[in-house]
């Protein structure tokens, strides 16, 4: 598998398993919004933000925005790679 294939596979797994419903509920309960909009972000907007954070972490090792943080750990020979996504309810 190429590095890009591994990144895509792990991203898909994260996106399938991550509890975006809980994240949205937390946003609603705290009155959090994105970009000054007066409404809670939709599940689609949360998923889009999370996917972007994961992609950026794959390129730079770490990324965070929109209360999401992602990391990418890999060895120097690129023989293994592990992506992770976290919801960070504190700013």
Protein backbone atom coordinates (compact mmCIF):
# COMPACT_ATOMS: atom_id res chain seq x y z
CA UNK A 1 0.00 0.00 0.00
CA UNK A 2 1.23 3.47 -0.79
CA UNK A 3 1.35 6.20 1.85
CA UNK A 4 -1.67 7.90 0.27
CA UNK A 5 -3.64 4.66 0.30
CA UNK A 6 -2.86 4.17 4.00
CA UNK A 7 -3.89 7.76 4.74
CA UNK A 8 -7.15 7.32 2.81
CA UNK A 9 -7.95 4.00 4.50
CA UNK A 10 -7.30 5.34 7.99
CA UNK A 11 -9.21 8.57 7.27
CA UNK A 12 -12.21 6.56 6.08
CA UNK A 13 -12.08 4.40 9.22
CA UNK A 14 -11.89 7.44 11.49
CA UNK A 15 -14.76 9.14 9.68
CA UNK A 16 -16.90 5.98 9.95
CA UNK A 17 -16.21 5.37 13.65
CA UNK A 18 -16.02 8.89 15.12
CA UNK A 19 -19.12 9.98 17.04
CA UNK A 20 -19.98 13.21 15.21
CA UNK A 21 -23.46 13.12 16.74
CA UNK A 22 -21.96 13.53 20.20
CA UNK A 23 -19.77 16.37 18.95
CA UNK A 24 -22.79 18.14 17.47
CA UNK A 25 -24.73 17.64 20.70
CA UNK A 26 -21.85 19.20 22.64
CA UNK A 27 -21.82 22.14 20.22
CA UNK A 28 -25.57 22.61 20.71
CA UNK A 29 -25.39 22.40 24.50
CA UNK A 30 -22.61 24.99 24.65
CA UNK A 31 -23.94 27.32 21.95
CA UNK A 32 -20.77 26.95 19.87
CA UNK A 33 -20.81 27.93 16.21
CA UNK A 34 -18.40 28.21 13.27
CA UNK A 35 -17.36 31.37 11.48
CA UNK A 36 -19.72 33.65 13.37
CA UNK A 37 -22.80 31.83 12.08
CA UNK A 38 -25.75 31.97 14.48
CA UNK A 39 -26.47 28.23 14.27
CA UNK A 40 -24.79 25.01 15.36
CA UNK A 41 -22.73 23.45 12.55
CA UNK A 42 -24.42 20.58 10.75
CA UNK A 43 -23.06 17.06 10.89
CA UNK A 44 -21.78 17.62 7.34
CA UNK A 45 -19.91 20.76 8.35
CA UNK A 46 -18.37 19.01 11.35
CA UNK A 47 -17.34 16.06 9.19
CA UNK A 48 -15.86 18.37 6.56
CA UNK A 49 -13.83 20.23 9.19
CA UNK A 50 -12.61 16.98 10.74
CA UNK A 51 -11.57 15.56 7.36
CA UNK A 52 -9.60 18.73 6.62
CA UNK A 53 -7.84 18.52 9.98
CA UNK A 54 -6.90 14.89 9.31
CA UNK A 55 -5.54 15.75 5.83
CA UNK A 56 -3.49 18.60 7.23
CA UNK A 57 -2.09 16.37 10.00
CA UNK A 58 -1.08 13.79 7.38
CA UNK A 59 1.00 16.52 5.71
CA UNK A 60 2.34 18.31 8.79
CA UNK A 61 2.18 15.83 11.69
CA UNK A 62 -0.39 17.84 13.65
CA UNK A 63 -3.35 20.06 12.90
CA UNK A 64 -6.20 21.62 14.84
CA UNK A 65 -9.18 23.82 14.07
CA UNK A 66 -12.89 23.92 14.79
CA UNK A 67 -12.40 22.10 18.11
CA UNK A 68 -10.82 19.12 16.33
CA UNK A 69 -7.18 18.07 16.59
CA UNK A 70 -5.46 15.39 14.54
CA UNK A 71 -2.04 13.81 14.67
CA UNK A 72 -0.03 11.73 12.26
CA UNK A 73 2.74 9.55 13.65
CA UNK A 74 5.06 7.67 11.33
CA UNK A 75 8.57 6.32 11.33
CA UNK A 76 11.33 8.02 9.37
CA UNK A 77 11.29 5.30 6.70
CA UNK A 78 7.52 5.67 6.21
CA UNK A 79 7.03 1.96 6.90
CA UNK A 80 4.09 2.66 9.22
CA UNK A 81 1.73 5.53 9.82
CA UNK A 82 -1.06 6.17 12.32
CA UNK A 83 -3.63 8.96 12.13
CA UNK A 84 -5.82 9.99 15.04
CA UNK A 85 -8.61 12.52 15.49
CA UNK A 86 -9.69 14.09 18.76
CA UNK A 87 -12.50 16.41 19.71
CA UNK A 88 -11.14 19.19 21.88
CA UNK A 89 -14.03 20.76 23.80
CA UNK A 90 -11.74 23.39 25.35
CA UNK A 91 -10.24 26.12 23.22
